[in-house]
């Protein structure tokens, strides 16, 4: 019976070790998930600068975004950003018809550290809205952004609207 008791003890130790390891992994996932949810609520994305430059066949709109993680969560990475531009004019909004997308970069968003991201959108001169409002000194925009963030465990997307003012074509 001594051999049987030894096997039972070994199985009990293996079972206890399996439970301990599983509990540890579950705790890490819960910690990661809570940190992710907290940081998603507080992530800050704003437009630092926005300018319009005339080119041969239209205009280029350059937008500099600043992304900040104001939380202590350090496993968050900025992967990509997609944006659509809406010109605010005559009491409404007009979709300009361009979408910018950045390829995945997976840049770490360390706590309280700002990351800058620049995107350039090319718009053909045939765009009636910029032709109409181009001569003004300032243009009002709504930028609809979809930001992809990743952690070692999951990917998530956040959609936000940013309102910005750009200088007119120079």
N, C-alpha and C. Protein backbone atom coordinates (compact mmCIF):
# COMPACT_ATOMS: atom_id res chain seq x y z
N UNK A 1 0.80 -1.20 0.00
CA UNK A 1 0.00 0.00 0.00
C UNK A 1 0.84 1.26 0.00
N UNK A 2 2.03 1.14 0.38
CA UNK A 2 2.93 2.28 0.41
C UNK A 2 3.13 2.86 -0.98
N UNK A 3 3.24 1.96 -2.00
CA UNK A 3 3.38 2.43 -3.37
C UNK A 3 2.13 3.18 -3.82
N UNK A 4 0.96 2.68 -3.48
CA UNK A 4 -0.30 3.31 -3.85
C UNK A 4 -0.45 4.67 -3.19
N UNK A 5 -0.07 4.76 -1.92
CA UNK A 5 -0.15 6.06 -1.22
C UNK A 5 0.80 7.07 -1.83
N UNK A 6 1.98 6.61 -2.28
CA UNK A 6 2.96 7.50 -2.92
C UNK A 6 2.42 8.07 -4.23
N UNK A 7 1.73 7.23 -4.99
CA UNK A 7 1.15 7.70 -6.26
C UNK A 7 0.02 8.69 -6.01
N UNK A 8 -0.77 8.41 -5.00
CA UNK A 8 -1.87 9.32 -4.68
C UNK A 8 -1.32 10.67 -4.23
N UNK A 9 -0.25 10.66 -3.43
CA UNK A 9 0.37 11.91 -2.99
C UNK A 9 0.93 12.66 -4.20
N UNK A 10 1.58 11.94 -5.12
CA UNK A 10 2.14 12.57 -6.31
C UNK A 10 1.03 13.20 -7.16
N UNK A 11 -0.07 12.49 -7.34
CA UNK A 11 -1.21 13.04 -8.09
C UNK A 11 -1.79 14.26 -7.38
N UNK A 12 -1.86 14.22 -6.06
CA UNK A 12 -2.37 15.36 -5.29
C UNK A 12 -1.46 16.57 -5.48
N UNK A 13 -0.13 16.36 -5.45
CA UNK A 13 0.81 17.47 -5.65
C UNK A 13 0.71 18.02 -7.08
N UNK A 14 0.59 17.13 -8.06
CA UNK A 14 0.44 17.58 -9.44
C UNK A 14 -0.85 18.37 -9.63
N UNK A 15 -1.92 17.89 -9.01
CA UNK A 15 -3.20 18.58 -9.08
C UNK A 15 -3.10 19.97 -8.43
N UNK A 16 -2.48 20.04 -7.28
CA UNK A 16 -2.32 21.32 -6.58
C UNK A 16 -1.45 22.28 -7.40
N UNK A 17 -0.39 21.75 -8.02
CA UNK A 17 0.48 22.60 -8.85
C UNK A 17 -0.29 23.11 -10.07
N UNK A 18 -1.10 22.26 -10.67
CA UNK A 18 -1.90 22.67 -11.83
C UNK A 18 -2.88 23.77 -11.43
N UNK A 19 -3.51 23.63 -10.30
CA UNK A 19 -4.45 24.66 -9.82
C UNK A 19 -3.70 25.96 -9.53
N UNK A 20 -2.54 25.89 -8.92
CA UNK A 20 -1.76 27.09 -8.61
C UNK A 20 -1.33 27.82 -9.88
N UNK A 21 -0.86 27.08 -10.87
CA UNK A 21 -0.43 27.69 -12.13
C UNK A 21 -1.62 28.29 -12.86
N UNK A 22 -2.72 27.57 -12.91
CA UNK A 22 -3.93 28.08 -13.57
C UNK A 22 -4.45 29.34 -12.87
N UNK A 23 -4.43 29.34 -11.57
CA UNK A 23 -4.87 30.52 -10.81
C UNK A 23 -3.97 31.72 -11.10
N UNK A 24 -2.67 31.47 -11.18
CA UNK A 24 -1.73 32.54 -11.50
C UNK A 24 -1.98 33.13 -12.87
N UNK A 25 -2.19 32.26 -13.86
CA UNK A 25 -2.47 32.73 -15.21
C UNK A 25 -3.79 33.49 -15.29
N UNK A 26 -4.79 32.99 -14.59
CA UNK A 26 -6.08 33.68 -14.54
C UNK A 26 -5.93 35.06 -13.90
N UNK A 27 -5.16 35.13 -12.83
CA UNK A 27 -4.93 36.42 -12.16
C UNK A 27 -4.24 37.41 -13.09
N UNK A 28 -3.26 36.94 -13.86
CA UNK A 28 -2.57 37.82 -14.80
C UNK A 28 -3.53 38.33 -15.87
N UNK A 29 -4.39 37.46 -16.38
CA UNK A 29 -5.37 37.87 -17.38
C UNK A 29 -6.35 38.89 -16.82
N UNK A 30 -6.81 38.68 -15.60
CA UNK A 30 -7.74 39.62 -14.97
C UNK A 30 -7.06 40.96 -14.76
N UNK A 31 -5.81 40.95 -14.25
CA UNK A 31 -5.06 42.18 -14.04
C UNK A 31 -4.87 42.92 -15.36
N UNK A 32 -4.51 42.20 -16.40
CA UNK A 32 -4.31 42.81 -17.71
C UNK A 32 -5.61 43.41 -18.23
N UNK A 33 -6.70 42.71 -18.08
CA UNK A 33 -7.99 43.17 -18.58
C UNK A 33 -8.46 44.42 -17.83
N UNK A 34 -8.32 44.42 -16.51
CA UNK A 34 -8.72 45.59 -15.72
C UNK A 34 -7.85 46.79 -16.08
N UNK A 35 -6.55 46.59 -16.22
CA UNK A 35 -5.65 47.67 -16.62
C UNK A 35 -5.99 48.21 -18.00
N UNK A 36 -6.32 47.31 -18.91
CA UNK A 36 -6.69 47.71 -20.26
C UNK A 36 -7.97 48.55 -20.24
N UNK A 37 -8.99 48.09 -19.54
CA UNK A 37 -10.26 48.83 -19.48
C UNK A 37 -10.06 50.21 -18.86
N UNK A 38 -9.26 50.29 -17.82
CA UNK A 38 -9.00 51.57 -17.16
C UNK A 38 -8.27 52.52 -18.11
N UNK A 39 -7.27 52.02 -18.82
CA UNK A 39 -6.51 52.89 -19.71
C UNK A 39 -7.32 53.29 -20.94
N UNK A 40 -8.20 52.41 -21.43
CA UNK A 40 -9.03 52.76 -22.59
C UNK A 40 -9.94 53.94 -22.29
N UNK A 41 -10.46 54.00 -21.08
CA UNK A 41 -11.34 55.11 -20.70
C UNK A 41 -10.58 56.43 -20.66
N UNK A 42 -9.29 56.36 -20.37
CA UNK A 42 -8.53 57.59 -20.13
C UNK A 42 -7.54 57.96 -21.22
N UNK A 43 -7.41 57.14 -22.24
CA UNK A 43 -6.44 57.41 -23.30
C UNK A 43 -6.78 58.77 -23.93
N UNK A 44 -5.77 59.58 -24.20
CA UNK A 44 -5.99 60.91 -24.75
C UNK A 44 -5.42 60.97 -26.17
N UNK A 45 -6.25 61.35 -27.11
CA UNK A 45 -5.82 61.55 -28.49
C UNK A 45 -6.31 62.94 -28.89
N UNK A 46 -5.39 63.77 -29.36
CA UNK A 46 -5.79 65.09 -29.84
C UNK A 46 -4.93 65.49 -31.03
N UNK A 47 -5.40 66.50 -31.74
CA UNK A 47 -4.69 67.01 -32.90
C UNK A 47 -3.77 68.12 -32.42
N UNK A 48 -2.47 67.94 -32.64
CA UNK A 48 -1.48 68.93 -32.25
C UNK A 48 -1.37 70.01 -33.32
N UNK A 49 -1.47 69.62 -34.59
CA UNK A 49 -1.37 70.57 -35.69
C UNK A 49 -2.07 69.99 -36.91
N UNK A 50 -2.65 70.88 -37.70
CA UNK A 50 -3.33 70.46 -38.92
C UNK A 50 -3.15 71.56 -39.95
N UNK A 51 -2.64 71.20 -41.12
CA UNK A 51 -2.40 72.20 -42.14
C UNK A 51 -2.78 71.72 -43.52
N UNK A 52 -3.07 72.68 -44.39
CA UNK A 52 -3.45 72.39 -45.78
C UNK A 52 -2.41 73.02 -46.68
N UNK A 53 -1.91 72.22 -47.62
CA UNK A 53 -0.90 72.69 -48.56
C UNK A 53 -1.37 72.40 -49.99
N UNK A 54 -1.37 73.42 -50.86
CA UNK A 54 -1.75 73.15 -52.25
C UNK A 54 -0.66 72.35 -52.96
N UNK A 55 -1.07 71.41 -53.79
CA UNK A 55 -0.16 70.65 -54.65
C UNK A 55 -0.71 70.74 -56.07
N UNK A 56 0.02 70.19 -57.04
CA UNK A 56 -0.36 70.33 -58.45
C UNK A 56 -1.80 69.91 -58.75
N UNK A 57 -2.21 68.77 -58.25
CA UNK A 57 -3.54 68.26 -58.61
C UNK A 57 -4.56 68.34 -57.47
N UNK A 58 -4.34 69.21 -56.48
CA UNK A 58 -5.28 69.33 -55.38
C UNK A 58 -4.63 69.91 -54.14
N UNK A 59 -4.95 69.33 -53.00
CA UNK A 59 -4.37 69.78 -51.73
C UNK A 59 -3.94 68.58 -50.90
N UNK A 60 -3.01 68.82 -50.01
CA UNK A 60 -2.61 67.81 -49.03
C UNK A 60 -2.97 68.34 -47.66
N UNK A 61 -3.58 67.48 -46.87
CA UNK A 61 -3.91 67.84 -45.49
C UNK A 61 -2.99 67.01 -44.60
N UNK A 62 -2.21 67.69 -43.77
CA UNK A 62 -1.30 67.02 -42.85
C UNK A 62 -1.85 67.18 -41.44
N UNK A 63 -1.97 66.07 -40.75
CA UNK A 63 -2.50 66.08 -39.38
C UNK A 63 -1.46 65.43 -38.47
N UNK A 64 -1.14 66.12 -37.39
CA UNK A 64 -0.24 65.55 -36.38
C UNK A 64 -1.09 65.24 -35.15
N UNK A 65 -1.20 63.94 -34.85
CA UNK A 65 -1.94 63.47 -33.68
C UNK A 65 -0.96 63.25 -32.53
N UNK A 66 -1.42 63.49 -31.31
CA UNK A 66 -0.65 63.15 -30.11
C UNK A 66 -1.49 62.18 -29.30
N UNK A 67 -0.88 61.05 -28.95
CA UNK A 67 -1.57 59.99 -28.19
C UNK A 67 -0.85 59.83 -26.86
N UNK A 68 -1.62 59.85 -25.76
CA UNK A 68 -1.04 59.75 -24.42
C UNK A 68 -1.81 58.72 -23.60
N UNK A 69 -1.07 57.90 -22.85
CA UNK A 69 -1.65 56.96 -21.90
C UNK A 69 -1.44 57.56 -20.51
N UNK A 70 -2.47 58.17 -19.90
CA UNK A 70 -2.28 58.83 -18.60
C UNK A 70 -2.40 57.87 -17.39
N UNK A 71 -2.42 56.58 -17.64
CA UNK A 71 -2.55 55.62 -16.54
C UNK A 71 -1.21 54.94 -16.26
N UNK A 72 -1.18 54.10 -15.22
CA UNK A 72 0.04 53.36 -14.87
C UNK A 72 0.19 52.08 -15.68
N UNK A 73 -0.80 51.75 -16.49
CA UNK A 73 -0.78 50.52 -17.27
C UNK A 73 0.28 50.61 -18.36
N UNK A 74 1.25 49.70 -18.35
CA UNK A 74 2.41 49.82 -19.25
C UNK A 74 2.45 48.78 -20.36
N UNK A 75 1.42 47.96 -20.49
CA UNK A 75 1.43 46.91 -21.53
C UNK A 75 0.66 47.31 -22.78
N UNK A 76 0.27 48.55 -22.87
CA UNK A 76 -0.52 49.04 -23.98
C UNK A 76 0.38 49.52 -25.11
N UNK A 77 0.01 49.17 -26.35
CA UNK A 77 0.76 49.61 -27.52
C UNK A 77 -0.20 50.23 -28.53
N UNK A 78 0.27 51.31 -29.16
CA UNK A 78 -0.47 51.95 -30.25
C UNK A 78 -0.13 51.19 -31.52
N UNK A 79 -1.16 50.65 -32.17
CA UNK A 79 -0.91 49.87 -33.37
C UNK A 79 -1.16 50.68 -34.64
N UNK A 80 -2.34 51.26 -34.76
CA UNK A 80 -2.63 52.01 -35.98
C UNK A 80 -3.75 53.01 -35.74
N UNK A 81 -3.93 53.90 -36.71
CA UNK A 81 -4.95 54.93 -36.63
C UNK A 81 -5.56 55.10 -38.02
N UNK A 82 -6.86 55.17 -38.05
CA UNK A 82 -7.59 55.41 -39.29
C UNK A 82 -8.45 56.64 -39.06
N UNK A 83 -8.50 57.55 -40.02
CA UNK A 83 -9.33 58.73 -39.80
C UNK A 83 -10.08 59.13 -41.06
N UNK A 84 -11.21 59.76 -40.83
CA UNK A 84 -12.04 60.30 -41.90
C UNK A 84 -12.28 61.77 -41.57
N UNK A 85 -12.26 62.60 -42.61
CA UNK A 85 -12.41 64.04 -42.41
C UNK A 85 -13.79 64.52 -42.83
N UNK A 86 -14.36 65.37 -41.98
CA UNK A 86 -15.63 66.02 -42.26
C UNK A 86 -15.41 67.52 -42.12
N UNK A 87 -15.67 68.26 -43.18
CA UNK A 87 -15.56 69.71 -43.15
C UNK A 87 -16.85 70.27 -42.56
N UNK A 88 -16.73 71.12 -41.56
CA UNK A 88 -17.89 71.74 -40.94
C UNK A 88 -18.09 73.10 -41.60
N UNK A 89 -19.21 73.25 -42.29
CA UNK A 89 -19.48 74.50 -43.00
C UNK A 89 -20.97 74.64 -43.25
N UNK A 90 -21.43 75.87 -43.31
CA UNK A 90 -22.84 76.18 -43.60
C UNK A 90 -23.80 75.43 -42.68
N UNK A 91 -23.45 75.33 -41.41
CA UNK A 91 -24.33 74.70 -40.43
C UNK A 91 -24.40 73.18 -40.51
N UNK A 92 -23.54 72.56 -41.26
CA UNK A 92 -23.54 71.10 -41.38
C UNK A 92 -22.14 70.56 -41.59
N UNK A 93 -22.09 69.28 -41.88
CA UNK A 93 -20.81 68.61 -42.12
C UNK A 93 -20.82 67.96 -43.50
N UNK A 94 -19.71 68.02 -44.16
CA UNK A 94 -19.56 67.39 -45.46
C UNK A 94 -18.38 66.43 -45.41
N UNK A 95 -18.63 65.16 -45.73
CA UNK A 95 -17.55 64.17 -45.77
C UNK A 95 -16.65 64.51 -46.94
N UNK A 96 -15.36 64.64 -46.67
CA UNK A 96 -14.42 65.02 -47.72
C UNK A 96 -14.11 63.84 -48.63
N UNK A 97 -14.31 62.64 -48.16
CA UNK A 97 -14.13 61.49 -49.02
C UNK A 97 -12.76 60.87 -48.97
N UNK A 98 -12.02 61.14 -47.92
CA UNK A 98 -10.69 60.55 -47.78
C UNK A 98 -10.58 59.82 -46.45
N UNK A 99 -9.85 58.75 -46.47
CA UNK A 99 -9.58 58.00 -45.26
C UNK A 99 -8.09 57.71 -45.22
N UNK A 100 -7.48 58.02 -44.11
CA UNK A 100 -6.06 57.72 -43.94
C UNK A 100 -5.92 56.52 -43.03
N UNK A 101 -4.99 55.65 -43.35
CA UNK A 101 -4.77 54.47 -42.53
C UNK A 101 -3.27 54.28 -42.38
N UNK A 102 -2.86 54.04 -41.17
CA UNK A 102 -1.44 53.78 -40.95
C UNK A 102 -1.23 52.28 -40.80
N UNK A 103 -0.15 51.77 -41.34
CA UNK A 103 0.13 50.34 -41.12
C UNK A 103 0.47 50.10 -39.66
N UNK A 104 0.21 48.89 -39.16
CA UNK A 104 0.49 48.60 -37.73
C UNK A 104 1.94 48.90 -37.36
N UNK A 105 2.10 49.58 -36.23
CA UNK A 105 3.44 49.94 -35.77
C UNK A 105 3.77 49.35 -34.41
N UNK A 106 2.75 49.10 -33.59
CA UNK A 106 2.92 48.53 -32.24
C UNK A 106 3.96 49.27 -31.41
N UNK A 107 3.80 50.59 -31.31
CA UNK A 107 4.67 51.42 -30.49
C UNK A 107 4.16 51.40 -29.05
N UNK A 108 5.00 51.08 -28.08
CA UNK A 108 4.55 51.07 -26.68
C UNK A 108 4.04 52.45 -26.25
N UNK A 109 2.93 52.45 -25.53
CA UNK A 109 2.38 53.68 -24.94
C UNK A 109 2.68 53.63 -23.44
N UNK A 110 3.86 54.05 -23.08
CA UNK A 110 4.27 54.01 -21.68
C UNK A 110 3.48 55.05 -20.90
N UNK A 111 3.30 54.84 -19.61
CA UNK A 111 2.52 55.79 -18.80
C UNK A 111 3.03 57.23 -18.92
N UNK A 112 2.10 58.13 -19.16
CA UNK A 112 2.33 59.57 -19.23
C UNK A 112 3.35 59.99 -20.29
N UNK A 113 3.55 59.16 -21.29
CA UNK A 113 4.46 59.49 -22.37
C UNK A 113 3.65 59.80 -23.62
N UNK A 114 3.97 60.90 -24.29
CA UNK A 114 3.26 61.28 -25.51
C UNK A 114 3.91 60.64 -26.73
N UNK A 115 3.07 60.13 -27.63
CA UNK A 115 3.53 59.62 -28.92
C UNK A 115 2.91 60.50 -30.00
N UNK A 116 3.72 60.90 -30.94
CA UNK A 116 3.25 61.74 -32.02
C UNK A 116 3.13 60.88 -33.29
N UNK A 117 2.06 61.12 -34.03
CA UNK A 117 1.82 60.38 -35.27
C UNK A 117 1.36 61.37 -36.33
N UNK A 118 2.01 61.37 -37.48
CA UNK A 118 1.67 62.28 -38.57
C UNK A 118 1.08 61.50 -39.73
N UNK A 119 -0.01 62.01 -40.27
CA UNK A 119 -0.60 61.41 -41.46
C UNK A 119 -0.87 62.51 -42.48
N UNK A 120 -0.74 62.18 -43.74
CA UNK A 120 -0.99 63.12 -44.82
C UNK A 120 -2.05 62.56 -45.74
N UNK A 121 -3.04 63.38 -46.04
CA UNK A 121 -4.14 62.99 -46.91
C UNK A 121 -4.09 63.83 -48.18
N UNK A 122 -4.17 63.18 -49.32
CA UNK A 122 -4.18 63.90 -50.60
C UNK A 122 -5.60 63.97 -51.12
N UNK A 123 -6.00 65.17 -51.51
CA UNK A 123 -7.35 65.39 -52.01
C UNK A 123 -7.26 66.04 -53.39
N UNK A 124 -7.97 65.47 -54.33
CA UNK A 124 -7.97 66.02 -55.70
C UNK A 124 -8.67 67.37 -55.72
N UNK A 125 -8.26 68.21 -56.65
CA UNK A 125 -8.83 69.56 -56.74
C UNK A 125 -10.32 69.54 -57.09
N UNK A 126 -10.79 68.39 -57.57
CA UNK A 126 -12.20 68.28 -57.94
C UNK A 126 -13.12 68.31 -56.72
N UNK A 127 -12.56 68.26 -55.54
CA UNK A 127 -13.40 68.26 -54.34
C UNK A 127 -14.08 69.63 -54.21
N UNK A 128 -15.40 69.64 -54.33
CA UNK A 128 -16.16 70.89 -54.35
C UNK A 128 -16.10 71.63 -53.02
N UNK A 129 -15.99 70.93 -51.92
CA UNK A 129 -16.03 71.58 -50.61
C UNK A 129 -14.77 72.39 -50.35
N UNK A 130 -13.63 71.83 -50.67
CA UNK A 130 -12.39 72.57 -50.45
C UNK A 130 -12.24 73.70 -51.47
N UNK A 131 -12.78 73.52 -52.66
CA UNK A 131 -12.74 74.59 -53.65
C UNK A 131 -13.57 75.77 -53.17
N UNK A 132 -14.72 75.49 -52.56
CA UNK A 132 -15.61 76.54 -52.08
C UNK A 132 -15.04 77.25 -50.87
N UNK A 133 -14.52 76.48 -49.90
CA UNK A 133 -14.10 77.06 -48.63
C UNK A 133 -12.59 77.27 -48.54
N UNK A 134 -11.84 76.89 -49.55
CA UNK A 134 -10.39 76.97 -49.52
C UNK A 134 -9.81 78.35 -49.24
N UNK A 135 -10.37 79.42 -49.80
CA UNK A 135 -9.77 80.75 -49.59
C UNK A 135 -9.88 81.28 -48.16
N UNK A 136 -10.73 80.71 -47.33
CA UNK A 136 -10.87 81.22 -45.96
C UNK A 136 -9.60 80.98 -45.17
N UNK A 137 -9.43 81.75 -44.12
CA UNK A 137 -8.19 81.64 -43.34
C UNK A 137 -8.20 80.42 -42.42
N UNK A 138 -9.37 79.98 -41.99
CA UNK A 138 -9.45 78.81 -41.11
C UNK A 138 -10.61 77.92 -41.52
N UNK A 139 -10.40 76.61 -41.40
CA UNK A 139 -11.45 75.65 -41.68
C UNK A 139 -11.70 74.83 -40.43
N UNK A 140 -12.97 74.51 -40.19
CA UNK A 140 -13.35 73.72 -39.03
C UNK A 140 -13.58 72.28 -39.48
N UNK A 141 -13.07 71.32 -38.70
CA UNK A 141 -13.13 69.91 -39.05
C UNK A 141 -13.63 69.05 -37.90
N UNK A 142 -14.28 67.96 -38.28
CA UNK A 142 -14.51 66.85 -37.35
C UNK A 142 -13.73 65.69 -37.92
N UNK A 143 -12.85 65.14 -37.11
CA UNK A 143 -12.03 64.01 -37.53
C UNK A 143 -12.51 62.79 -36.78
N UNK A 144 -13.04 61.83 -37.50
CA UNK A 144 -13.51 60.57 -36.89
C UNK A 144 -12.34 59.60 -36.93
N UNK A 145 -11.86 59.22 -35.76
CA UNK A 145 -10.69 58.35 -35.66
C UNK A 145 -11.07 56.98 -35.13
N UNK A 146 -10.47 55.97 -35.69
CA UNK A 146 -10.53 54.62 -35.13
C UNK A 146 -9.09 54.25 -34.80
N UNK A 147 -8.84 54.05 -33.51
CA UNK A 147 -7.49 53.77 -33.03
C UNK A 147 -7.43 52.31 -32.62
N UNK A 148 -6.41 51.61 -33.12
CA UNK A 148 -6.21 50.22 -32.73
C UNK A 148 -5.10 50.18 -31.68
N UNK A 149 -5.42 49.58 -30.54
CA UNK A 149 -4.47 49.39 -29.46
C UNK A 149 -4.32 47.90 -29.21
N UNK A 150 -3.14 47.48 -28.80
CA UNK A 150 -2.91 46.06 -28.53
C UNK A 150 -2.21 45.89 -27.18
N UNK A 151 -2.47 44.75 -26.57
CA UNK A 151 -1.74 44.29 -25.40
C UNK A 151 -1.20 42.92 -25.76
N UNK A 152 -0.38 42.33 -24.92
CA UNK A 152 0.11 40.98 -25.25
C UNK A 152 -1.01 39.94 -25.39
N UNK A 153 -2.18 40.24 -24.85
CA UNK A 153 -3.26 39.26 -24.83
C UNK A 153 -4.35 39.54 -25.85
N UNK A 154 -4.63 40.82 -26.15
CA UNK A 154 -5.77 41.13 -27.03
C UNK A 154 -5.55 42.42 -27.81
N UNK A 155 -6.40 42.58 -28.85
CA UNK A 155 -6.45 43.80 -29.63
C UNK A 155 -7.77 44.49 -29.33
N UNK A 156 -7.76 45.81 -29.36
CA UNK A 156 -9.02 46.52 -29.16
C UNK A 156 -9.02 47.77 -30.02
N UNK A 157 -10.21 48.26 -30.31
CA UNK A 157 -10.39 49.43 -31.15
C UNK A 157 -11.18 50.46 -30.36
N UNK A 158 -10.85 51.71 -30.58
CA UNK A 158 -11.57 52.79 -29.93
C UNK A 158 -11.90 53.83 -30.98
N UNK A 159 -13.15 54.25 -31.02
CA UNK A 159 -13.59 55.26 -31.97
C UNK A 159 -13.84 56.56 -31.23
N UNK A 160 -13.36 57.66 -31.81
CA UNK A 160 -13.58 58.97 -31.18
C UNK A 160 -13.68 60.04 -32.23
N UNK A 161 -14.33 61.13 -31.87
CA UNK A 161 -14.43 62.30 -32.73
C UNK A 161 -13.57 63.40 -32.13
N UNK A 162 -12.75 64.01 -32.99
CA UNK A 162 -11.89 65.10 -32.58
C UNK A 162 -12.25 66.30 -33.43
N UNK A 163 -12.44 67.44 -32.80
CA UNK A 163 -12.74 68.66 -33.52
C UNK A 163 -11.48 69.50 -33.60
N UNK A 164 -11.16 69.99 -34.79
CA UNK A 164 -9.93 70.73 -34.99
C UNK A 164 -10.16 71.87 -35.97
N UNK A 165 -9.24 72.82 -35.95
CA UNK A 165 -9.24 73.95 -36.86
C UNK A 165 -7.94 73.93 -37.63
N UNK A 166 -8.02 74.11 -38.92
CA UNK A 166 -6.79 74.17 -39.73
C UNK A 166 -6.70 75.53 -40.41
N UNK A 167 -5.49 75.91 -40.67
CA UNK A 167 -5.29 77.12 -41.46
C UNK A 167 -5.64 76.79 -42.91
N UNK A 168 -6.18 77.74 -43.60
CA UNK A 168 -6.53 77.52 -45.01
C UNK A 168 -5.28 77.37 -45.87
N UNK A 169 -5.46 77.03 -47.11
CA UNK A 169 -4.31 76.86 -48.01
C UNK A 169 -3.45 78.10 -48.05
N UNK A 170 -2.15 77.87 -48.11
CA UNK A 170 -1.22 79.01 -48.12
C UNK A 170 -0.58 79.17 -49.47
